[in-house]
């Protein structure tokens, strides 16, 4: 597949891009290079190849899920302007 000048102008119009007339050919060459690369990739035999979530076979190190701070709920609620049943009350902002 190859894009001509009118194709590039139509793509620019649809993407709401303003391209100078002198640059249309350059953009066309770039887009054609991208499309050629996609064609090459689609021609590659991928039968039996498992999809990857990440190119490296790495495991994320996770810290232990432990409580490290004391419960300060009552102290924080005691200084709040308005609370109800352990929740902060805030002004209504959406009608």
PDB file of N, CA and C in Angstrom:
ATOM      1  N   UNK A   1       0.851  -1.177   0.000  1.00  0.00           N
ATOM      2  CA  UNK A   1       0.000   0.000   0.000  1.00  0.00           C
ATOM      3  C   UNK A   1       0.894   1.236   0.000  1.00  0.00           C
ATOM      4  N   UNK A   2       0.548   2.167  -0.849  1.00  0.00           N
ATOM      5  CA  UNK A   2       1.323   3.393  -0.933  1.00  0.00           C
ATOM      6  C   UNK A   2       0.373   4.585  -0.919  1.00  0.00           C
ATOM      7  N   UNK A   3       0.730   5.585  -0.150  1.00  0.00           N
ATOM      8  CA  UNK A   3      -0.099   6.785  -0.051  1.00  0.00           C
ATOM      9  C   UNK A   3       0.379   7.828  -1.042  1.00  0.00           C
ATOM     10  N   UNK A   4      -0.569   8.452  -1.728  1.00  0.00           N
ATOM     11  CA  UNK A   4      -0.186   9.551  -2.606  1.00  0.00           C
ATOM     12  C   UNK A   4      -0.502  10.881  -1.920  1.00  0.00           C
ATOM     13  N   UNK A   5      -0.268  11.962  -2.612  1.00  0.00           N
ATOM     14  CA  UNK A   5      -0.418  13.303  -2.055  1.00  0.00           C
ATOM     15  C   UNK A   5      -1.843  13.551  -1.531  1.00  0.00           C
ATOM     16  N   UNK A   6      -2.841  13.116  -2.306  1.00  0.00           N
ATOM     17  CA  UNK A   6      -4.231  13.351  -1.886  1.00  0.00           C
ATOM     18  C   UNK A   6      -4.565  12.550  -0.618  1.00  0.00           C
ATOM     19  N   UNK A   7      -3.992  11.346  -0.485  1.00  0.00           N
ATOM     20  CA  UNK A   7      -4.215  10.540   0.723  1.00  0.00           C
ATOM     21  C   UNK A   7      -3.655  11.252   1.956  1.00  0.00           C
ATOM     22  N   UNK A   8      -2.445  11.798   1.827  1.00  0.00           N
ATOM     23  CA  UNK A   8      -1.817  12.499   2.942  1.00  0.00           C
ATOM     24  C   UNK A   8      -2.625  13.733   3.320  1.00  0.00           C
ATOM     25  N   UNK A   9      -3.102  14.463   2.318  1.00  0.00           N
ATOM     26  CA  UNK A   9      -3.925  15.650   2.597  1.00  0.00           C
ATOM     27  C   UNK A   9      -5.228  15.262   3.283  1.00  0.00           C
ATOM     28  N   UNK A  10      -5.838  14.139   2.874  1.00  0.00           N
ATOM     29  CA  UNK A  10      -7.081  13.674   3.497  1.00  0.00           C
ATOM     30  C   UNK A  10      -6.834  13.233   4.943  1.00  0.00           C
ATOM     31  N   UNK A  11      -5.732  12.524   5.173  1.00  0.00           N
ATOM     32  CA  UNK A  11      -5.392  12.103   6.531  1.00  0.00           C
ATOM     33  C   UNK A  11      -5.164  13.324   7.422  1.00  0.00           C
ATOM     34  N   UNK A  12      -4.452  14.304   6.907  1.00  0.00           N
ATOM     35  CA  UNK A  12      -4.205  15.532   7.674  1.00  0.00           C
ATOM     36  C   UNK A  12      -5.518  16.238   7.981  1.00  0.00           C
ATOM     37  N   UNK A  13      -6.422  16.269   7.011  1.00  0.00           N
ATOM     38  CA  UNK A  13      -7.722  16.913   7.232  1.00  0.00           C
ATOM     39  C   UNK A  13      -8.512  16.176   8.324  1.00  0.00           C
ATOM     40  N   UNK A  14      -8.538  14.859   8.252  1.00  0.00           N
ATOM     41  CA  UNK A  14      -9.272  14.072   9.247  1.00  0.00           C
ATOM     42  C   UNK A  14      -8.665  14.204  10.639  1.00  0.00           C
ATOM     43  N   UNK A  15      -7.343  14.365  10.695  1.00  0.00           N
ATOM     44  CA  UNK A  15      -6.652  14.502  11.979  1.00  0.00           C
ATOM     45  C   UNK A  15      -6.610  15.956  12.439  1.00  0.00           C
ATOM     46  N   UNK A  16      -7.236  16.818  11.666  1.00  0.00           N
ATOM     47  CA  UNK A  16      -7.269  18.257  11.990  1.00  0.00           C
ATOM     48  C   UNK A  16      -5.857  18.833  12.109  1.00  0.00           C
ATOM     49  N   UNK A  17      -4.974  18.436  11.159  1.00  0.00           N
ATOM     50  CA  UNK A  17      -3.610  18.927  11.132  1.00  0.00           C
ATOM     51  C   UNK A  17      -3.438  19.852   9.937  1.00  0.00           C
ATOM     52  N   UNK A  18      -2.745  20.942  10.154  1.00  0.00           N
ATOM     53  CA  UNK A  18      -2.450  21.856   9.065  1.00  0.00           C
ATOM     54  C   UNK A  18      -1.017  21.597   8.605  1.00  0.00           C
ATOM     55  N   UNK A  19      -0.900  21.122   7.379  1.00  0.00           N
ATOM     56  CA  UNK A  19       0.410  20.789   6.827  1.00  0.00           C
ATOM     57  C   UNK A  19       0.682  21.722   5.659  1.00  0.00           C
ATOM     58  N   UNK A  20       1.860  22.309   5.635  1.00  0.00           N
ATOM     59  CA  UNK A  20       2.250  23.148   4.507  1.00  0.00           C
ATOM     60  C   UNK A  20       2.316  22.302   3.247  1.00  0.00           C
ATOM     61  N   UNK A  21       1.948  22.888   2.125  1.00  0.00           N
ATOM     62  CA  UNK A  21       1.946  22.167   0.851  1.00  0.00           C
ATOM     63  C   UNK A  21       3.333  21.624   0.517  1.00  0.00           C
ATOM     64  N   UNK A  22       4.365  22.336   0.920  1.00  0.00           N
ATOM     65  CA  UNK A  22       5.724  21.903   0.630  1.00  0.00           C
ATOM     66  C   UNK A  22       6.120  20.675   1.448  1.00  0.00           C
ATOM     67  N   UNK A  23       5.444  20.437   2.555  1.00  0.00           N
ATOM     68  CA  UNK A  23       5.798  19.330   3.440  1.00  0.00           C
ATOM     69  C   UNK A  23       4.979  18.067   3.192  1.00  0.00           C
ATOM     70  N   UNK A  24       3.974  18.132   2.335  1.00  0.00           N
ATOM     71  CA  UNK A  24       3.087  16.990   2.126  1.00  0.00           C
ATOM     72  C   UNK A  24       3.864  15.777   1.623  1.00  0.00           C
ATOM     73  N   UNK A  25       4.782  15.992   0.682  1.00  0.00           N
ATOM     74  CA  UNK A  25       5.550  14.857   0.149  1.00  0.00           C
ATOM     75  C   UNK A  25       6.417  14.211   1.224  1.00  0.00           C
ATOM     76  N   UNK A  26       7.012  15.034   2.089  1.00  0.00           N
ATOM     77  CA  UNK A  26       7.848  14.511   3.167  1.00  0.00           C
ATOM     78  C   UNK A  26       7.015  13.664   4.133  1.00  0.00           C
ATOM     79  N   UNK A  27       5.828  14.174   4.495  1.00  0.00           N
ATOM     80  CA  UNK A  27       4.944  13.401   5.371  1.00  0.00           C
ATOM     81  C   UNK A  27       4.502  12.113   4.685  1.00  0.00           C
ATOM     82  N   UNK A  28       4.256  12.189   3.387  1.00  0.00           N
ATOM     83  CA  UNK A  28       3.866  10.996   2.641  1.00  0.00           C
ATOM     84  C   UNK A  28       4.946   9.940   2.672  1.00  0.00           C
ATOM     85  N   UNK A  29       6.209  10.355   2.505  1.00  0.00           N
ATOM     86  CA  UNK A  29       7.318   9.404   2.567  1.00  0.00           C
ATOM     87  C   UNK A  29       7.408   8.758   3.946  1.00  0.00           C
ATOM     88  N   UNK A  30       7.241   9.565   4.977  1.00  0.00           N
ATOM     89  CA  UNK A  30       7.304   9.030   6.340  1.00  0.00           C
ATOM     90  C   UNK A  30       6.177   8.033   6.603  1.00  0.00           C
ATOM     91  N   UNK A  31       4.968   8.392   6.192  1.00  0.00           N
ATOM     92  CA  UNK A  31       3.831   7.486   6.399  1.00  0.00           C
ATOM     93  C   UNK A  31       4.000   6.206   5.586  1.00  0.00           C
ATOM     94  N   UNK A  32       4.516   6.318   4.373  1.00  0.00           N
ATOM     95  CA  UNK A  32       4.750   5.120   3.556  1.00  0.00           C
ATOM     96  C   UNK A  32       5.799   4.219   4.192  1.00  0.00           C
ATOM     97  N   UNK A  33       6.826   4.804   4.807  1.00  0.00           N
ATOM     98  CA  UNK A  33       7.834   4.002   5.503  1.00  0.00           C
ATOM     99  C   UNK A  33       7.207   3.234   6.659  1.00  0.00           C
ATOM    100  N   UNK A  34       6.326   3.901   7.393  1.00  0.00           N
ATOM    101  CA  UNK A  34       5.646   3.241   8.511  1.00  0.00           C
ATOM    102  C   UNK A  34       4.778   2.096   7.998  1.00  0.00           C
ATOM    103  N   UNK A  35       4.023   2.346   6.935  1.00  0.00           N
ATOM    104  CA  UNK A  35       3.154   1.304   6.388  1.00  0.00           C
ATOM    105  C   UNK A  35       3.967   0.133   5.844  1.00  0.00           C
ATOM    106  N   UNK A  36       5.123   0.409   5.249  1.00  0.00           N
ATOM    107  CA  UNK A  36       5.987  -0.673   4.766  1.00  0.00           C
ATOM    108  C   UNK A  36       6.507  -1.518   5.930  1.00  0.00           C
ATOM    109  N   UNK A  37       6.851  -0.869   7.030  1.00  0.00           N
ATOM    110  CA  UNK A  37       7.299  -1.608   8.205  1.00  0.00           C
ATOM    111  C   UNK A  37       6.180  -2.494   8.746  1.00  0.00           C
ATOM    112  N   UNK A  38       4.959  -1.969   8.785  1.00  0.00           N
ATOM    113  CA  UNK A  38       3.816  -2.764   9.243  1.00  0.00           C
ATOM    114  C   UNK A  38       3.609  -3.961   8.325  1.00  0.00           C
ATOM    115  N   UNK A  39       3.741  -3.761   7.009  1.00  0.00           N
ATOM    116  CA  UNK A  39       3.614  -4.884   6.066  1.00  0.00           C
ATOM    117  C   UNK A  39       4.672  -5.951   6.333  1.00  0.00           C
ATOM    118  N   UNK A  40       5.905  -5.518   6.606  1.00  0.00           N
ATOM    119  CA  UNK A  40       6.975  -6.478   6.911  1.00  0.00           C
ATOM    120  C   UNK A  40       6.667  -7.257   8.181  1.00  0.00           C
ATOM    121  N   UNK A  41       6.168  -6.557   9.176  1.00  0.00           N
ATOM    122  CA  UNK A  41       5.850  -7.221  10.446  1.00  0.00           C
ATOM    123  C   UNK A  41       4.697  -8.203  10.276  1.00  0.00           C
ATOM    124  N   UNK A  42       3.714  -7.852   9.452  1.00  0.00           N
ATOM    125  CA  UNK A  42       2.581  -8.754   9.235  1.00  0.00           C
ATOM    126  C   UNK A  42       2.995  -9.989   8.442  1.00  0.00           C
ATOM    127  N   UNK A  43       4.037  -9.888   7.645  1.00  0.00           N
ATOM    128  CA  UNK A  43       4.497 -11.018   6.854  1.00  0.00           C
ATOM    129  C   UNK A  43       5.305 -12.012   7.681  1.00  0.00           C
ATOM    130  N   UNK A  44       5.687 -11.639   8.889  1.00  0.00           N
ATOM    131  CA  UNK A  44       6.485 -12.508   9.742  1.00  0.00           C
ATOM    132  C   UNK A  44       5.647 -13.665  10.268  1.00  0.00           C
ATOM    133  N   UNK A  45       6.213 -14.873  10.226  1.00  0.00           N
ATOM    134  CA  UNK A  45       5.524 -16.048  10.733  1.00  0.00           C
ATOM    135  C   UNK A  45       5.591 -16.041  12.264  1.00  0.00           C
ATOM    136  N   UNK A  46       4.459 -15.920  12.904  1.00  0.00           N
ATOM    137  CA  UNK A  46       4.409 -15.894  14.372  1.00  0.00           C
ATOM    138  C   UNK A  46       3.710 -17.130  14.940  1.00  0.00           C
ATOM    139  N   UNK A  47       3.565 -18.149  14.116  1.00  0.00           N
ATOM    140  CA  UNK A  47       2.892 -19.359  14.584  1.00  0.00           C
ATOM    141  C   UNK A  47       3.709 -20.007  15.693  1.00  0.00           C
ATOM    142  N   UNK A  48       3.052 -20.305  16.799  1.00  0.00           N
ATOM    143  CA  UNK A  48       3.708 -20.947  17.937  1.00  0.00           C
ATOM    144  C   UNK A  48       4.429 -19.985  18.857  1.00  0.00           C
ATOM    145  N   UNK A  49       4.340 -18.702  18.589  1.00  0.00           N
ATOM    146  CA  UNK A  49       4.994 -17.704  19.440  1.00  0.00           C
ATOM    147  C   UNK A  49       3.970 -17.185  20.437  1.00  0.00           C
ATOM    148  N   UNK A  50       4.286 -17.314  21.705  1.00  0.00           N
ATOM    149  CA  UNK A  50       3.388 -16.847  22.751  1.00  0.00           C
ATOM    150  C   UNK A  50       3.469 -15.325  22.868  1.00  0.00           C
ATOM    151  N   UNK A  51       2.335 -14.657  23.028  1.00  0.00           N
ATOM    152  CA  UNK A  51       2.371 -13.199  23.212  1.00  0.00           C
ATOM    153  C   UNK A  51       3.030 -12.834  24.541  1.00  0.00           C
ATOM    154  N   UNK A  52       3.686 -11.678  24.568  1.00  0.00           N
ATOM    155  CA  UNK A  52       4.380 -11.219  25.761  1.00  0.00           C
ATOM    156  C   UNK A  52       3.680 -10.012  26.365  1.00  0.00           C
ATOM    157  N   UNK A  53       3.659  -9.948  27.676  1.00  0.00           N
ATOM    158  CA  UNK A  53       3.190  -8.745  28.354  1.00  0.00           C
ATOM    159  C   UNK A  53       4.348  -7.783  28.534  1.00  0.00           C
ATOM    160  N   UNK A  54       5.564  -8.325  28.554  1.00  0.00           N
ATOM    161  CA  UNK A  54       6.763  -7.517  28.742  1.00  0.00           C
ATOM    162  C   UNK A  54       7.918  -8.259  28.061  1.00  0.00           C
ATOM    163  N   UNK A  55       8.817  -7.547  27.402  1.00  0.00           N
ATOM    164  CA  UNK A  55       9.889  -8.246  26.678  1.00  0.00           C
ATOM    165  C   UNK A  55      10.896  -8.962  27.571  1.00  0.00           C
ATOM    166  N   UNK A  56      10.976  -8.596  28.831  1.00  0.00           N
ATOM    167  CA  UNK A  56      11.903  -9.247  29.748  1.00  0.00           C
ATOM    168  C   UNK A  56      11.141 -10.186  30.663  1.00  0.00           C
ATOM    169  N   UNK A  57      11.719 -11.335  30.929  1.00  0.00           N
ATOM    170  CA  UNK A  57      11.084 -12.291  31.827  1.00  0.00           C
ATOM    171  C   UNK A  57      11.447 -11.905  33.256  1.00  0.00           C
ATOM    172  N   UNK A  58      10.757 -10.890  33.765  1.00  0.00           N
ATOM    173  CA  UNK A  58      11.074 -10.370  35.096  1.00  0.00           C
ATOM    174  C   UNK A  58       9.835 -10.435  35.983  1.00  0.00           C
ATOM    175  N   UNK A  59      10.084 -10.556  37.270  1.00  0.00           N
ATOM    176  CA  UNK A  59       9.015 -10.568  38.255  1.00  0.00           C
ATOM    177  C   UNK A  59       9.132  -9.297  39.077  1.00  0.00           C
ATOM    178  N   UNK A  60       8.013  -8.638  39.269  1.00  0.00           N
ATOM    179  CA  UNK A  60       8.035  -7.399  40.045  1.00  0.00           C
ATOM    180  C   UNK A  60       8.206  -7.711  41.522  1.00  0.00           C
ATOM    181  N   UNK A  61       9.150  -7.012  42.133  1.00  0.00           N
ATOM    182  CA  UNK A  61       9.368  -7.202  43.556  1.00  0.00           C
ATOM    183  C   UNK A  61       8.316  -6.410  44.321  1.00  0.00           C
ATOM    184  N   UNK A  62       7.629  -7.052  45.198  1.00  0.00           N
ATOM    185  CA  UNK A  62       6.588  -6.413  45.989  1.00  0.00           C
ATOM    186  C   UNK A  62       6.966  -6.462  47.457  1.00  0.00           C
ATOM    187  N   UNK A  63       6.637  -5.394  48.153  1.00  0.00           N
ATOM    188  CA  UNK A  63       6.892  -5.381  49.591  1.00  0.00           C
ATOM    189  C   UNK A  63       5.767  -6.130  50.298  1.00  0.00           C
ATOM    190  N   UNK A  64       6.014  -6.544  51.497  1.00  0.00           N
ATOM    191  CA  UNK A  64       4.992  -7.228  52.294  1.00  0.00           C
ATOM    192  C   UNK A  64       3.886  -6.244  52.635  1.00  0.00           C
ATOM    193  N   UNK A  65       2.657  -6.706  52.586  1.00  0.00           N
ATOM    194  CA  UNK A  65       1.507  -5.862  52.876  1.00  0.00           C
ATOM    195  C   UNK A  65       1.277  -5.851  54.388  1.00  0.00           C
ATOM    196  N   UNK A  66       1.981  -4.941  55.062  1.00  0.00           N
ATOM    197  CA  UNK A  66       1.898  -4.850  56.511  1.00  0.00           C
ATOM    198  C   UNK A  66       1.544  -3.422  56.920  1.00  0.00           C
ATOM    199  N   UNK A  67       0.794  -3.285  57.995  1.00  0.00           N
ATOM    200  CA  UNK A  67       0.463  -1.967  58.535  1.00  0.00           C
ATOM    201  C   UNK A  67       1.719  -1.392  59.170  1.00  0.00           C
ATOM    202  N   UNK A  68       2.075  -0.171  58.757  1.00  0.00           N
ATOM    203  CA  UNK A  68       3.292   0.450  59.288  1.00  0.00           C
ATOM    204  C   UNK A  68       3.007   1.725  60.065  1.00  0.00           C
ATOM    205  N   UNK A  69       1.751   2.193  60.033  1.00  0.00           N
ATOM    206  CA  UNK A  69       1.392   3.416  60.749  1.00  0.00           C
ATOM    207  C   UNK A  69       0.242   3.119  61.711  1.00  0.00           C
ATOM    208  N   UNK A  70       0.198   3.840  62.818  1.00  0.00           N
ATOM    209  CA  UNK A  70      -0.910   3.611  63.765  1.00  0.00           C
ATOM    210  C   UNK A  70      -2.220   4.177  63.222  1.00  0.00           C
ATOM    211  N   UNK A  71      -3.324   3.653  63.729  1.00  0.00           N
ATOM    212  CA  UNK A  71      -4.652   4.128  63.338  1.00  0.00           C
ATOM    213  C   UNK A  71      -4.890   5.509  63.940  1.00  0.00           C
ATOM    214  N   UNK A  72      -5.041   6.531  63.092  1.00  0.00           N
ATOM    215  CA  UNK A  72      -5.249   7.901  63.545  1.00  0.00           C
ATOM    216  C   UNK A  72      -6.651   8.405  63.217  1.00  0.00           C
ATOM    217  N   UNK A  73      -7.555   7.503  62.938  1.00  0.00           N
ATOM    218  CA  UNK A  73      -8.894   7.890  62.508  1.00  0.00           C
ATOM    219  C   UNK A  73      -9.591   8.791  63.517  1.00  0.00           C
ATOM    220  N   UNK A  74      -9.623   8.395  64.775  1.00  0.00           N
ATOM    221  CA  UNK A  74     -10.323   9.179  65.792  1.00  0.00           C
ATOM    222  C   UNK A  74      -9.694  10.558  65.968  1.00  0.00           C
ATOM    223  N   UNK A  75      -8.373  10.632  65.937  1.00  0.00           N
ATOM    224  CA  UNK A  75      -7.696  11.922  66.090  1.00  0.00           C
ATOM    225  C   UNK A  75      -8.021  12.849  64.922  1.00  0.00           C
ATOM    226  N   UNK A  76      -8.062  12.307  63.722  1.00  0.00           N
ATOM    227  CA  UNK A  76      -8.368  13.130  62.555  1.00  0.00           C
ATOM    228  C   UNK A  76      -9.830  13.540  62.527  1.00  0.00           C
ATOM    229  N   UNK A  77     -10.723  12.643  62.897  1.00  0.00           N
ATOM    230  CA  UNK A  77     -12.146  12.981  62.933  1.00  0.00           C
ATOM    231  C   UNK A  77     -12.444  14.019  64.016  1.00  0.00           C
ATOM    232  N   UNK A  78     -11.687  14.012  65.086  1.00  0.00           N
ATOM    233  CA  UNK A  78     -11.951  14.942  66.184  1.00  0.00           C
ATOM    234  C   UNK A  78     -11.671  16.395  65.798  1.00  0.00           C
ATOM    235  N   UNK A  79     -10.821  16.639  64.818  1.00  0.00           N
ATOM    236  CA  UNK A  79     -10.511  18.012  64.413  1.00  0.00           C
ATOM    237  C   UNK A  79     -11.246  18.421  63.142  1.00  0.00           C
ATOM    238  N   UNK A  80     -12.049  17.534  62.595  1.00  0.00           N
ATOM    239  CA  UNK A  80     -12.811  17.857  61.381  1.00  0.00           C
ATOM    240  C   UNK A  80     -13.994  18.748  61.731  1.00  0.00           C
ATOM    241  N   UNK A  81     -14.365  19.685  60.849  1.00  0.00           N
ATOM    242  CA  UNK A  81     -15.498  20.569  61.130  1.00  0.00           C
ATOM    243  C   UNK A  81     -16.833  19.837  61.238  1.00  0.00           C
ATOM    244  N   UNK A  82     -17.026  18.764  60.438  1.00  0.00           N
ATOM    245  CA  UNK A  82     -18.293  18.035  60.491  1.00  0.00           C
ATOM    246  C   UNK A  82     -18.043  16.569  60.162  1.00  0.00           C
ATOM    247  N   UNK A  83     -18.600  15.686  61.003  1.00  0.00           N
ATOM    248  CA  UNK A  83     -18.484  14.246  60.766  1.00  0.00           C
ATOM    249  C   UNK A  83     -19.806  13.588  61.082  1.00  0.00           C
ATOM    250  N   UNK A  84     -19.984  12.405  60.549  1.00  0.00           N
ATOM    251  CA  UNK A  84     -21.181  11.626  60.852  1.00  0.00           C
ATOM    252  C   UNK A  84     -20.855  10.155  60.650  1.00  0.00           C
ATOM    253  N   UNK A  85     -21.070   9.348  61.673  1.00  0.00           N
ATOM    254  CA  UNK A  85     -20.847   7.907  61.638  1.00  0.00           C
ATOM    255  C   UNK A  85     -19.439   7.563  61.138  1.00  0.00           C
ATOM    256  N   UNK A  86     -18.445   8.321  61.586  1.00  0.00           N
ATOM    257  CA  UNK A  86     -17.068   8.050  61.234  1.00  0.00           C
ATOM    258  C   UNK A  86     -16.642   8.543  59.860  1.00  0.00           C
ATOM    259  N   UNK A  87     -17.465   9.382  59.228  1.00  0.00           N
ATOM    260  CA  UNK A  87     -17.143   9.903  57.905  1.00  0.00           C
ATOM    261  C   UNK A  87     -17.045  11.423  57.951  1.00  0.00           C
ATOM    262  N   UNK A  88     -16.225  11.996  57.083  1.00  0.00           N
ATOM    263  CA  UNK A  88     -16.135  13.441  56.957  1.00  0.00           C
ATOM    264  C   UNK A  88     -17.331  13.946  56.155  1.00  0.00           C
ATOM    265  N   UNK A  89     -17.966  15.016  56.619  1.00  0.00           N
ATOM    266  CA  UNK A  89     -19.049  15.641  55.869  1.00  0.00           C
ATOM    267  C   UNK A  89     -18.475  16.851  55.146  1.00  0.00           C
ATOM    268  N   UNK A  90     -18.788  16.964  53.852  1.00  0.00           N
ATOM    269  CA  UNK A  90     -18.291  18.073  53.045  1.00  0.00           C
ATOM    270  C   UNK A  90     -19.465  18.778  52.382  1.00  0.00           C
ATOM    271  N   UNK A  91     -19.267  20.039  51.973  1.00  0.00           N
ATOM    272  CA  UNK A  91     -20.365  20.750  51.321  1.00  0.00           C
ATOM    273  C   UNK A  91     -20.736  20.095  49.978  1.00  0.00           C
ATOM    274  N   UNK A  92     -22.002  20.191  49.655  1.00  0.00           N
ATOM    275  CA  UNK A  92     -22.485  19.652  48.389  1.00  0.00           C
ATOM    276  C   UNK A  92     -21.956  20.536  47.256  1.00  0.00           C
ATOM    277  N   UNK A  93     -21.358  19.937  46.238  1.00  0.00           N
ATOM    278  CA  UNK A  93     -20.805  20.721  45.136  1.00  0.00           C
ATOM    279  C   UNK A  93     -21.529  20.483  43.820  1.00  0.00           C
ATOM    280  N   UNK A  94     -22.332  19.444  43.736  1.00  0.00           N
ATOM    281  CA  UNK A  94     -23.093  19.152  42.518  1.00  0.00           C
ATOM    282  C   UNK A  94     -24.572  19.256  42.846  1.00  0.00           C
ATOM    283  N   UNK A  95     -25.258  20.021  42.057  1.00  0.00           N
ATOM    284  CA  UNK A  95     -26.710  20.202  42.268  1.00  0.00           C
ATOM    285  C   UNK A  95     -27.464  19.029  41.703  1.00  0.00           C
TER     286      UNK A  95
END
